[in-house]
PDB file of N, CA and C in Angstrom:
ATOM      1  N   MET A   1      -9.338  -1.216  -6.439  1.00  0.00           N
ATOM      2  CA  MET A   1      -9.669   0.224  -6.771  1.00  0.00           C
ATOM      3  C   MET A   1      -8.198   0.549  -6.024  1.00  0.00           C
ATOM      4  N   ASP A   2      -7.123   1.071  -6.966  1.00  0.00           N
ATOM      5  CA  ASP A   2      -5.582   1.617  -6.471  1.00  0.00           C
ATOM      6  C   ASP A   2      -6.111   3.211  -6.000  1.00  0.00           C
ATOM      7  N   VAL A   3      -6.251   3.118  -4.831  1.00  0.00           N
ATOM      8  CA  VAL A   3      -6.217   4.796  -4.604  1.00  0.00           C
ATOM      9  C   VAL A   3      -4.812   5.435  -4.648  1.00  0.00           C
ATOM     10  N   SER A   4      -3.825   4.523  -4.232  1.00  0.00           N
ATOM     11  CA  SER A   4      -2.487   4.959  -4.494  1.00  0.00           C
ATOM     12  C   SER A   4      -1.685   3.884  -4.393  1.00  0.00           C
ATOM     13  N   GLU A   5      -0.664   3.708  -5.212  1.00  0.00           N
ATOM     14  CA  GLU A   5      -0.071   2.829  -5.335  1.00  0.00           C
ATOM     15  C   GLU A   5       1.300   3.017  -5.884  1.00  0.00           C
ATOM     16  N   PHE A   6       2.571   2.516  -5.485  1.00  0.00           N
ATOM     17  CA  PHE A   6       3.722   2.892  -6.009  1.00  0.00           C
ATOM     18  C   PHE A   6       4.484   1.670  -6.276  1.00  0.00           C
ATOM     19  N   LYS A   7       5.063   1.409  -7.422  1.00  0.00           N
ATOM     20  CA  LYS A   7       5.696   0.473  -7.948  1.00  0.00           C
ATOM     21  C   LYS A   7       7.202   0.546  -8.375  1.00  0.00           C
ATOM     22  N   GLY A   8       8.202   0.726  -7.905  1.00  0.00           N
ATOM     23  CA  GLY A   8       9.795   0.948  -7.898  1.00  0.00           C
ATOM     24  C   GLY A   8       9.898   2.569  -8.113  1.00  0.00           C
ATOM     25  N   SER A   9       9.007   3.457  -7.768  1.00  0.00           N
ATOM     26  CA  SER A   9       9.580   4.528  -7.612  1.00  0.00           C
ATOM     27  C   SER A   9       8.639   5.077  -6.632  1.00  0.00           C
ATOM     28  N   THR A  10       9.084   6.268  -6.019  1.00  0.00           N
ATOM     29  CA  THR A  10       8.689   6.653  -4.924  1.00  0.00           C
ATOM     30  C   THR A  10       8.093   8.530  -5.167  1.00  0.00           C
ATOM     31  N   THR A  11       7.982   8.453  -6.267  1.00  0.00           N
ATOM     32  CA  THR A  11       7.497   9.739  -6.780  1.00  0.00           C
ATOM     33  C   THR A  11       6.281   9.221  -8.036  1.00  0.00           C
ATOM     34  N   VAL A  12       6.280   8.409  -8.169  1.00  0.00           N
ATOM     35  CA  VAL A  12       5.177   8.040  -9.087  1.00  0.00           C
ATOM     36  C   VAL A  12       3.803   7.281  -8.754  1.00  0.00           C
ATOM     37  N   ASP A  13       2.774   7.836  -8.478  1.00  0.00           N
ATOM     38  CA  ASP A  13       1.371   7.443  -7.901  1.00  0.00           C
ATOM     39  C   ASP A  13       0.672   6.625  -8.932  1.00  0.00           C
ATOM     40  N   TRP A  14       0.387   5.466  -8.853  1.00  0.00           N
ATOM     41  CA  TRP A  14      -0.433   4.642  -9.633  1.00  0.00           C
ATOM     42  C   TRP A  14      -1.705   4.647  -9.224  1.00  0.00           C
ATOM     43  N   GLN A  15      -2.515   5.243 -10.287  1.00  0.00           N
ATOM     44  CA  GLN A  15      -4.259   5.413  -9.709  1.00  0.00           C
ATOM     45  C   GLN A  15      -4.842   4.484 -11.006  1.00  0.00           C
ATOM     46  N   ASN A  16      -5.514   3.556 -10.474  1.00  0.00           N
ATOM     47  CA  ASN A  16      -6.542   2.876 -11.525  1.00  0.00           C
ATOM     48  C   ASN A  16      -7.398   1.811 -10.532  1.00  0.00           C
ATOM     49  N   VAL A  17      -8.288   0.997 -11.409  1.00  0.00           N
ATOM     50  CA  VAL A  17      -9.349   0.168 -11.292  1.00  0.00           C
ATOM     51  C   VAL A  17      -8.807  -1.107 -11.825  1.00  0.00           C
ATOM     52  N   ILE A  18      -8.624  -2.421 -11.482  1.00  0.00           N
ATOM     53  CA  ILE A  18      -8.559  -3.496 -12.234  1.00  0.00           C
ATOM     54  C   ILE A  18      -9.923  -4.242 -11.659  1.00  0.00           C
ATOM     55  N   SER A  19     -10.711  -4.551 -12.618  1.00  0.00           N
ATOM     56  CA  SER A  19     -12.010  -5.054 -12.974  1.00  0.00           C
ATOM     57  C   SER A  19     -12.198  -5.568 -14.366  1.00  0.00           C
ATOM     58  N   GLY A  20     -13.062  -6.556 -14.177  1.00  0.00           N
ATOM     59  CA  GLY A  20     -13.199  -7.435 -15.622  1.00  0.00           C
ATOM     60  C   GLY A  20     -13.953  -6.325 -16.745  1.00  0.00           C
ATOM     61  N   ASN A  21     -14.730  -5.523 -16.204  1.00  0.00           N
ATOM     62  CA  ASN A  21     -15.197  -4.424 -17.299  1.00  0.00           C
ATOM     63  C   ASN A  21     -14.468  -3.425 -17.229  1.00  0.00           C
ATOM     64  N   SER A  22     -13.217  -3.367 -16.760  1.00  0.00           N
ATOM     65  CA  SER A  22     -12.693  -1.805 -16.610  1.00  0.00           C
ATOM     66  C   SER A  22     -11.950  -1.491 -18.089  1.00  0.00           C
ATOM     67  N   ASP A  23     -12.375  -0.392 -18.346  1.00  0.00           N
ATOM     68  CA  ASP A  23     -11.562  -0.035 -19.754  1.00  0.00           C
ATOM     69  C   ASP A  23     -10.672   1.570 -19.678  1.00  0.00           C
ATOM     70  N   PHE A  24      -9.950   1.228 -18.891  1.00  0.00           N
ATOM     71  CA  PHE A  24      -9.287   2.157 -18.086  1.00  0.00           C
ATOM     72  C   PHE A  24      -7.608   2.359 -18.243  1.00  0.00           C
ATOM     73  N   ARG A  25      -7.169   3.178 -18.545  1.00  0.00           N
ATOM     74  CA  ARG A  25      -5.536   3.178 -18.667  1.00  0.00           C
ATOM     75  C   ARG A  25      -5.080   3.918 -17.501  1.00  0.00           C
ATOM     76  N   THR A  26      -4.055   3.478 -16.598  1.00  0.00           N
ATOM     77  CA  THR A  26      -3.681   4.161 -15.502  1.00  0.00           C
ATOM     78  C   THR A  26      -3.213   5.567 -15.546  1.00  0.00           C
ATOM     79  N   CYS A  27      -3.620   6.333 -14.520  1.00  0.00           N
ATOM     80  CA  CYS A  27      -3.010   7.687 -14.459  1.00  0.00           C
ATOM     81  C   CYS A  27      -1.460   7.182 -13.361  1.00  0.00           C
ATOM     82  N   LYS A  28      -0.706   8.360 -13.629  1.00  0.00           N
ATOM     83  CA  LYS A  28       0.614   8.104 -13.016  1.00  0.00           C
ATOM     84  C   LYS A  28       0.905   9.190 -12.551  1.00  0.00           C
ATOM     85  N   PRO A  29       0.018  10.243 -11.850  1.00  0.00           N
ATOM     86  CA  PRO A  29       0.667  11.464 -11.530  1.00  0.00           C
ATOM     87  C   PRO A  29       2.063  11.410 -10.650  1.00  0.00           C
ATOM     88  N   THR A  30       3.416  12.765 -10.977  1.00  0.00           N
ATOM     89  CA  THR A  30       3.945  12.465 -10.147  1.00  0.00           C
ATOM     90  C   THR A  30       3.664  13.099  -8.728  1.00  0.00           C
ATOM     91  N   VAL A  31       4.418  12.895  -7.606  1.00  0.00           N
ATOM     92  CA  VAL A  31       4.145  13.571  -6.571  1.00  0.00           C
ATOM     93  C   VAL A  31       5.744  13.933  -5.830  1.00  0.00           C
ATOM     94  N   SER A  32       5.845  14.415  -4.754  1.00  0.00           N
ATOM     95  CA  SER A  32       7.313  14.819  -4.466  1.00  0.00           C
ATOM     96  C   SER A  32       7.312  13.741  -3.530  1.00  0.00           C
ATOM     97  N   ASN A  33       8.594  13.448  -3.555  1.00  0.00           N
ATOM     98  CA  ASN A  33       9.047  11.927  -2.656  1.00  0.00           C
ATOM     99  C   ASN A  33       7.975  11.364  -1.659  1.00  0.00           C
ATOM    100  N   ALA A  34       7.231  10.311  -1.746  1.00  0.00           N
ATOM    101  CA  ALA A  34       6.515   9.823  -0.884  1.00  0.00           C
ATOM    102  C   ALA A  34       7.353   9.260   0.501  1.00  0.00           C
ATOM    103  N   ASN A  35       8.278   8.767   0.136  1.00  0.00           N
ATOM    104  CA  ASN A  35       9.510   8.169   1.123  1.00  0.00           C
ATOM    105  C   ASN A  35       9.644   9.687   2.314  1.00  0.00           C
ATOM    106  N   THR A  36       9.614  10.559   2.224  1.00  0.00           N
ATOM    107  CA  THR A  36       9.871  11.675   2.984  1.00  0.00           C
ATOM    108  C   THR A  36       8.944  12.839   3.146  1.00  0.00           C
ATOM    109  N   ASN A  37       7.702  12.832   2.064  1.00  0.00           N
ATOM    110  CA  ASN A  37       6.937  13.840   2.321  1.00  0.00           C
ATOM    111  C   ASN A  37       5.671  13.096   2.557  1.00  0.00           C
ATOM    112  N   TRP A  38       4.478  13.467   3.428  1.00  0.00           N
ATOM    113  CA  TRP A  38       3.177  13.196   3.663  1.00  0.00           C
ATOM    114  C   TRP A  38       2.523  13.416   2.412  1.00  0.00           C
ATOM    115  N   HIS A  39       1.351  12.697   2.092  1.00  0.00           N
ATOM    116  CA  HIS A  39       0.574  13.223   1.086  1.00  0.00           C
ATOM    117  C   HIS A  39      -0.808  12.536   1.348  1.00  0.00           C
ATOM    118  N   VAL A  40      -2.045  13.263   1.232  1.00  0.00           N
ATOM    119  CA  VAL A  40      -3.399  13.379   1.088  1.00  0.00           C
ATOM    120  C   VAL A  40      -3.962  12.308  -0.013  1.00  0.00           C
ATOM    121  N   TYR A  41      -4.167  11.232   0.003  1.00  0.00           N
ATOM    122  CA  TYR A  41      -4.634  10.684  -1.168  1.00  0.00           C
ATOM    123  C   TYR A  41      -6.285  10.556  -1.059  1.00  0.00           C
ATOM    124  N   GLN A  42      -7.115  10.586  -2.253  1.00  0.00           N
ATOM    125  CA  GLN A  42      -8.436  10.516  -2.279  1.00  0.00           C
ATOM    126  C   GLN A  42      -9.202   9.923  -3.378  1.00  0.00           C
ATOM    127  N   LEU A  43     -10.034   9.077  -3.398  1.00  0.00           N
ATOM    128  CA  LEU A  43     -10.536   8.728  -4.398  1.00  0.00           C
ATOM    129  C   LEU A  43     -12.315   9.098  -3.939  1.00  0.00           C
ATOM    130  N   VAL A  44     -12.967  10.024  -4.994  1.00  0.00           N
ATOM    131  CA  VAL A  44     -14.255   9.963  -5.009  1.00  0.00           C
ATOM    132  C   VAL A  44     -15.043   9.367  -5.977  1.00  0.00           C
ATOM    133  N   ARG A  45     -15.841   8.166  -5.272  1.00  0.00           N
ATOM    134  CA  ARG A  45     -16.706   7.711  -6.313  1.00  0.00           C
ATOM    135  C   ARG A  45     -18.074   7.706  -6.204  1.00  0.00           C
ATOM    136  N   LYS A  46     -18.794   8.236  -7.434  1.00  0.00           N
ATOM    137  CA  LYS A  46     -19.588   8.310  -7.547  1.00  0.00           C
ATOM    138  C   LYS A  46     -20.593   7.938  -8.738  1.00  0.00           C
ATOM    139  N   PRO A  47     -21.778   8.010  -8.851  1.00  0.00           N
ATOM    140  CA  PRO A  47     -22.487   6.715 -10.141  1.00  0.00           C
ATOM    141  C   PRO A  47     -21.921   7.438 -11.354  1.00  0.00           C
ATOM    142  N   GLY A  48     -21.231   6.467 -12.140  1.00  0.00           N
ATOM    143  CA  GLY A  48     -20.816   7.139 -13.266  1.00  0.00           C
ATOM    144  C   GLY A  48     -19.010   8.008 -13.407  1.00  0.00           C
ATOM    145  N   SER A  49     -18.616   8.040 -12.371  1.00  0.00           N
ATOM    146  CA  SER A  49     -17.519   8.338 -12.043  1.00  0.00           C
ATOM    147  C   SER A  49     -16.466   8.361 -10.930  1.00  0.00           C
ATOM    148  N   LEU A  50     -15.532   8.244 -11.304  1.00  0.00           N
ATOM    149  CA  LEU A  50     -14.411   7.915 -10.473  1.00  0.00           C
ATOM    150  C   LEU A  50     -13.289   9.253 -10.388  1.00  0.00           C
ATOM    151  N   VAL A  51     -13.091   9.997  -9.016  1.00  0.00           N
ATOM    152  CA  VAL A  51     -12.167  11.016  -9.339  1.00  0.00           C
ATOM    153  C   VAL A  51     -10.862  11.033  -8.296  1.00  0.00           C
ATOM    154  N   TRP A  52      -9.802  10.836  -8.571  1.00  0.00           N
ATOM    155  CA  TRP A  52      -8.727  10.736  -7.653  1.00  0.00           C
ATOM    156  C   TRP A  52      -8.114  12.129  -7.424  1.00  0.00           C
ATOM    157  N   LYS A  53      -7.513  12.231  -6.344  1.00  0.00           N
ATOM    158  CA  LYS A  53      -6.960  13.708  -5.934  1.00  0.00           C
ATOM    159  C   LYS A  53      -5.962  13.529  -4.882  1.00  0.00           C
ATOM    160  N   VAL A  54      -4.670  14.153  -5.334  1.00  0.00           N
ATOM    161  CA  VAL A  54      -3.271  13.843  -4.355  1.00  0.00           C
ATOM    162  C   VAL A  54      -3.159  15.503  -3.858  1.00  0.00           C
ATOM    163  N   ASP A  55      -3.302  15.310  -2.146  1.00  0.00           N
ATOM    164  CA  ASP A  55      -3.000  16.710  -1.628  1.00  0.00           C
ATOM    165  C   ASP A  55      -4.394  17.738  -2.136  1.00  0.00           C
ATOM    166  N   GLY A  56      -5.596  17.290  -2.139  1.00  0.00           N
ATOM    167  CA  GLY A  56      -6.734  18.128  -2.918  1.00  0.00           C
ATOM    168  C   GLY A  56      -6.823  18.665  -4.394  1.00  0.00           C
ATOM    169  N   VAL A  57      -5.460  18.108  -5.012  1.00  0.00           N
ATOM    170  CA  VAL A  57      -5.714  18.547  -6.587  1.00  0.00           C
ATOM    171  C   VAL A  57      -6.065  17.338  -7.253  1.00  0.00           C
ATOM    172  N   THR A  58      -7.035  17.518  -8.391  1.00  0.00           N
ATOM    173  CA  THR A  58      -7.397  16.415  -8.963  1.00  0.00           C
ATOM    174  C   THR A  58      -6.117  15.724  -9.865  1.00  0.00           C
ATOM    175  N   THR A  59      -5.772  14.557 -10.138  1.00  0.00           N
ATOM    176  CA  THR A  59      -4.946  14.459 -10.834  1.00  0.00           C
ATOM    177  C   THR A  59      -5.473  12.838 -11.631  1.00  0.00           C
ATOM    178  N   CYS A  60      -6.447  12.682 -11.822  1.00  0.00           N
ATOM    179  CA  CYS A  60      -7.294  11.439 -12.942  1.00  0.00           C
ATOM    180  C   CYS A  60      -8.928  11.540 -12.247  1.00  0.00           C
ATOM    181  N   THR A  61      -9.427  11.326 -13.572  1.00  0.00           N
ATOM    182  CA  THR A  61     -10.635  10.887 -13.591  1.00  0.00           C
ATOM    183  C   THR A  61     -10.946  10.179 -14.736  1.00  0.00           C
ATOM    184  N   GLN A  62     -12.109   9.407 -14.016  1.00  0.00           N
ATOM    185  CA  GLN A  62     -12.447   8.055 -15.261  1.00  0.00           C
ATOM    186  C   GLN A  62     -14.173   8.143 -15.081  1.00  0.00           C
ATOM    187  N   THR A  63     -14.788   8.355 -16.435  1.00  0.00           N
ATOM    188  CA  THR A  63     -16.285   8.433 -16.420  1.00  0.00           C
ATOM    189  C   THR A  63     -16.344   7.241 -17.484  1.00  0.00           C
ATOM    190  N   LYS A  64     -15.725   6.302 -18.074  1.00  0.00           N
ATOM    191  CA  LYS A  64     -15.927   5.125 -19.082  1.00  0.00           C
ATOM    192  C   LYS A  64     -15.728   3.965 -18.189  1.00  0.00           C
ATOM    193  N   ALA A  65     -16.774   2.830 -17.838  1.00  0.00           N
ATOM    194  CA  ALA A  65     -16.561   1.827 -17.631  1.00  0.00           C
ATOM    195  C   ALA A  65     -16.443   1.924 -16.088  1.00  0.00           C
ATOM    196  N   VAL A  66     -17.262   2.653 -15.157  1.00  0.00           N
ATOM    197  CA  VAL A  66     -17.110   2.688 -14.059  1.00  0.00           C
ATOM    198  C   VAL A  66     -18.115   1.668 -13.275  1.00  0.00           C
ATOM    199  N   PRO A  67     -16.945   0.775 -12.378  1.00  0.00           N
ATOM    200  CA  PRO A  67     -17.728  -0.500 -11.721  1.00  0.00           C
ATOM    201  C   PRO A  67     -18.844   0.095 -11.138  1.00  0.00           C
ATOM    202  N   THR A  68     -19.804  -0.706 -10.901  1.00  0.00           N
ATOM    203  CA  THR A  68     -21.013  -0.683 -10.385  1.00  0.00           C
ATOM    204  C   THR A  68     -21.384  -1.521  -9.315  1.00  0.00           C
ATOM    205  N   THR A  69     -20.436  -2.538  -9.171  1.00  0.00           N
ATOM    206  CA  THR A  69     -20.016  -3.696  -8.044  1.00  0.00           C
ATOM    207  C   THR A  69     -19.596  -3.244  -6.759  1.00  0.00           C
ATOM    208  N   PRO A  70     -19.407  -3.805  -5.966  1.00  0.00           N
ATOM    209  CA  PRO A  70     -18.593  -3.503  -4.478  1.00  0.00           C
ATOM    210  C   PRO A  70     -16.838  -3.740  -4.888  1.00  0.00           C
ATOM    211  N   MET A  71     -16.220  -2.785  -4.518  1.00  0.00           N
ATOM    212  CA  MET A  71     -14.852  -3.071  -4.925  1.00  0.00           C
ATOM    213  C   MET A  71     -13.964  -2.439  -3.737  1.00  0.00           C
ATOM    214  N   PHE A  72     -12.753  -3.253  -3.875  1.00  0.00           N
ATOM    215  CA  PHE A  72     -12.071  -3.068  -2.662  1.00  0.00           C
ATOM    216  C   PHE A  72     -10.655  -1.956  -2.728  1.00  0.00           C
ATOM    217  N   MET A  73     -10.719  -1.176  -1.710  1.00  0.00           N
ATOM    218  CA  MET A  73      -9.876  -0.001  -1.760  1.00  0.00           C
ATOM    219  C   MET A  73      -8.556  -0.375  -1.440  1.00  0.00           C
ATOM    220  N   ILE A  74      -7.499  -0.193  -2.522  1.00  0.00           N
ATOM    221  CA  ILE A  74      -6.001  -0.895  -1.727  1.00  0.00           C
ATOM    222  C   ILE A  74      -5.246   0.703  -1.875  1.00  0.00           C
ATOM    223  N   ILE A  75      -4.409   0.643  -0.956  1.00  0.00           N
ATOM    224  CA  ILE A  75      -3.214   1.397  -0.898  1.00  0.00           C
ATOM    225  C   ILE A  75      -2.083   0.474  -0.770  1.00  0.00           C
ATOM    226  N   ASN A  76      -0.894   0.802  -1.486  1.00  0.00           N
ATOM    227  CA  ASN A  76      -0.069  -0.378  -1.361  1.00  0.00           C
ATOM    228  C   ASN A  76       1.425  -0.051  -1.951  1.00  0.00           C
ATOM    229  N   THR A  77       2.245  -0.784  -1.652  1.00  0.00           N
ATOM    230  CA  THR A  77       3.783  -0.653  -2.363  1.00  0.00           C
ATOM    231  C   THR A  77       3.708  -2.221  -3.147  1.00  0.00           C
ATOM    232  N   ALA A  78       4.222  -2.039  -4.417  1.00  0.00           N
ATOM    233  CA  ALA A  78       3.775  -2.994  -5.201  1.00  0.00           C
ATOM    234  C   ALA A  78       5.257  -3.590  -5.162  1.00  0.00           C
ATOM    235  N   LEU A  79       5.508  -4.953  -5.162  1.00  0.00           N
ATOM    236  CA  LEU A  79       6.665  -5.423  -5.288  1.00  0.00           C
ATOM    237  C   LEU A  79       6.971  -6.734  -6.095  1.00  0.00           C
ATOM    238  N   GLY A  80       7.689  -6.542  -7.118  1.00  0.00           N
ATOM    239  CA  GLY A  80       7.921  -7.664  -8.252  1.00  0.00           C
ATOM    240  C   GLY A  80       6.568  -7.830  -8.866  1.00  0.00           C
ATOM    241  N   GLY A  81       6.495  -8.987  -9.877  1.00  0.00           N
ATOM    242  CA  GLY A  81       5.214  -8.993 -10.719  1.00  0.00           C
ATOM    243  C   GLY A  81       5.416  -8.339 -11.933  1.00  0.00           C
ATOM    244  N   ARG A  82       4.063  -8.268 -12.570  1.00  0.00           N
ATOM    245  CA  ARG A  82       4.409  -7.773 -14.015  1.00  0.00           C
ATOM    246  C   ARG A  82       4.234  -6.143 -13.831  1.00  0.00           C
ATOM    247  N   GLY A  83       3.599  -5.416 -12.940  1.00  0.00           N
ATOM    248  CA  GLY A  83       3.699  -3.982 -12.729  1.00  0.00           C
ATOM    249  C   GLY A  83       4.617  -3.322 -11.672  1.00  0.00           C
ATOM    250  N   GLY A  84       5.361  -4.608 -10.926  1.00  0.00           N
ATOM    251  CA  GLY A  84       6.162  -4.300  -9.882  1.00  0.00           C
ATOM    252  C   GLY A  84       7.785  -4.353 -10.217  1.00  0.00           C
ATOM    253  N   GLY A  85       7.616  -5.184 -11.496  1.00  0.00           N
ATOM    254  CA  GLY A  85       9.301  -4.992 -11.736  1.00  0.00           C
ATOM    255  C   GLY A  85      10.102  -6.316 -10.692  1.00  0.00           C
ATOM    256  N   THR A  86      11.219  -6.170 -11.160  1.00  0.00           N
ATOM    257  CA  THR A  86      12.310  -7.202 -10.452  1.00  0.00           C
ATOM    258  C   THR A  86      12.432  -6.512  -9.244  1.00  0.00           C
ATOM    259  N   ILE A  87      12.711  -7.208  -7.874  1.00  0.00           N
ATOM    260  CA  ILE A  87      12.732  -6.730  -6.726  1.00  0.00           C
ATOM    261  C   ILE A  87      14.176  -6.682  -6.316  1.00  0.00           C
ATOM    262  N   LYS A  88      14.920  -5.557  -6.215  1.00  0.00           N
ATOM    263  CA  LYS A  88      15.827  -4.934  -6.034  1.00  0.00           C
ATOM    264  C   LYS A  88      16.124  -4.954  -4.509  1.00  0.00           C
ATOM    265  N   SER A  89      17.499  -5.807  -3.943  1.00  0.00           N
ATOM    266  CA  SER A  89      17.729  -5.950  -2.556  1.00  0.00           C
ATOM    267  C   SER A  89      17.990  -4.732  -1.981  1.00  0.00           C
ATOM    268  N   SER A  90      18.377  -3.953  -3.026  1.00  0.00           N
ATOM    269  CA  SER A  90      18.491  -2.461  -2.370  1.00  0.00           C
ATOM    270  C   SER A  90      17.315  -1.494  -1.846  1.00  0.00           C
ATOM    271  N   THR A  91      16.489  -2.103  -2.396  1.00  0.00           N
ATOM    272  CA  THR A  91      14.809  -1.297  -1.755  1.00  0.00           C
ATOM    273  C   THR A  91      14.458  -2.189  -0.751  1.00  0.00           C
ATOM    274  N   LEU A  92      14.916  -3.142  -0.006  1.00  0.00           N
ATOM    275  CA  LEU A  92      14.274  -3.699   1.234  1.00  0.00           C
ATOM    276  C   LEU A  92      14.927  -3.198   2.748  1.00  0.00           C
ATOM    277  N   PRO A  93      14.508  -3.319   3.539  1.00  0.00           N
ATOM    278  CA  PRO A  93      12.735  -3.641   3.510  1.00  0.00           C
ATOM    279  C   PRO A  93      12.145  -2.501   3.086  1.00  0.00           C
ATOM    280  N   GLN A  94      10.846  -2.688   3.189  1.00  0.00           N
ATOM    281  CA  GLN A  94       9.916  -1.798   2.503  1.00  0.00           C
ATOM    282  C   GLN A  94       8.802  -1.312   3.985  1.00  0.00           C
ATOM    283  N   THR A  95       8.862  -0.194   3.965  1.00  0.00           N
ATOM    284  CA  THR A  95       8.067   0.420   4.792  1.00  0.00           C
ATOM    285  C   THR A  95       6.801   1.386   4.682  1.00  0.00           C
ATOM    286  N   MET A  96       5.506   1.289   5.047  1.00  0.00           N
ATOM    287  CA  MET A  96       4.572   2.027   4.313  1.00  0.00           C
ATOM    288  C   MET A  96       4.239   2.579   5.980  1.00  0.00           C
ATOM    289  N   LEU A  97       3.904   3.981   6.174  1.00  0.00           N
ATOM    290  CA  LEU A  97       3.134   4.789   7.264  1.00  0.00           C
ATOM    291  C   LEU A  97       2.135   5.374   6.531  1.00  0.00           C
ATOM    292  N   VAL A  98       0.673   5.058   7.548  1.00  0.00           N
ATOM    293  CA  VAL A  98      -0.300   5.265   7.053  1.00  0.00           C
ATOM    294  C   VAL A  98      -1.262   6.254   8.082  1.00  0.00           C
ATOM    295  N   ASP A  99      -1.290   7.524   7.960  1.00  0.00           N
ATOM    296  CA  ASP A  99      -1.889   7.953   9.238  1.00  0.00           C
ATOM    297  C   ASP A  99      -3.293   7.882   9.567  1.00  0.00           C
ATOM    298  N   TYR A 100      -4.077   7.666   8.584  1.00  0.00           N
ATOM    299  CA  TYR A 100      -5.697   7.345   8.885  1.00  0.00           C
ATOM    300  C   TYR A 100      -5.956   7.146   7.494  1.00  0.00           C
ATOM    301  N   VAL A 101      -7.093   6.158   7.311  1.00  0.00           N
ATOM    302  CA  VAL A 101      -7.890   5.945   6.139  1.00  0.00           C
ATOM    303  C   VAL A 101      -9.441   6.414   6.447  1.00  0.00           C
ATOM    304  N   ARG A 102     -10.089   6.840   5.754  1.00  0.00           N
ATOM    305  CA  ARG A 102     -11.390   7.389   6.291  1.00  0.00           C
ATOM    306  C   ARG A 102     -12.405   7.053   4.872  1.00  0.00           C
ATOM    307  N   LEU A 103     -13.536   6.328   5.150  1.00  0.00           N
ATOM    308  CA  LEU A 103     -14.531   6.070   4.352  1.00  0.00           C
ATOM    309  C   LEU A 103     -15.698   6.769   4.174  1.00  0.00           C
ATOM    310  N   THR A 104     -16.395   7.538   3.668  1.00  0.00           N
ATOM    311  CA  THR A 104     -17.596   7.971   3.760  1.00  0.00           C
ATOM    312  C   THR A 104     -18.404   7.533   2.566  1.00  0.00           C
ATOM    313  N   GLN A 105     -19.732   7.318   3.025  1.00  0.00           N
ATOM    314  CA  GLN A 105     -20.406   6.959   1.983  1.00  0.00           C
ATOM    315  C   GLN A 105     -22.079   8.106   2.097  1.00  0.00           C
TER     316      GLN A 105
END
């Protein structure tokens, strides 16, 4: 589960689930530049639904093919590959600053 993922842009936040039974199109809300602004990213998982929020505002909702098995939460900056595109040396080195991660059940 990508709570937040940035692929080649610091203003487009990819939110999705990668699962064998996932029938989900990625939501890609725009945020103010994550390089220079702090944001609060949230994923609320309930039976039958997943809701993503950025700074308290709902940005994506999934109610179809919601995984029922345990999943990994991921916060990352993608580099290269199918979704990450070609790695440009001008974007290196990469840094990710995380203030906190909270998981509640």
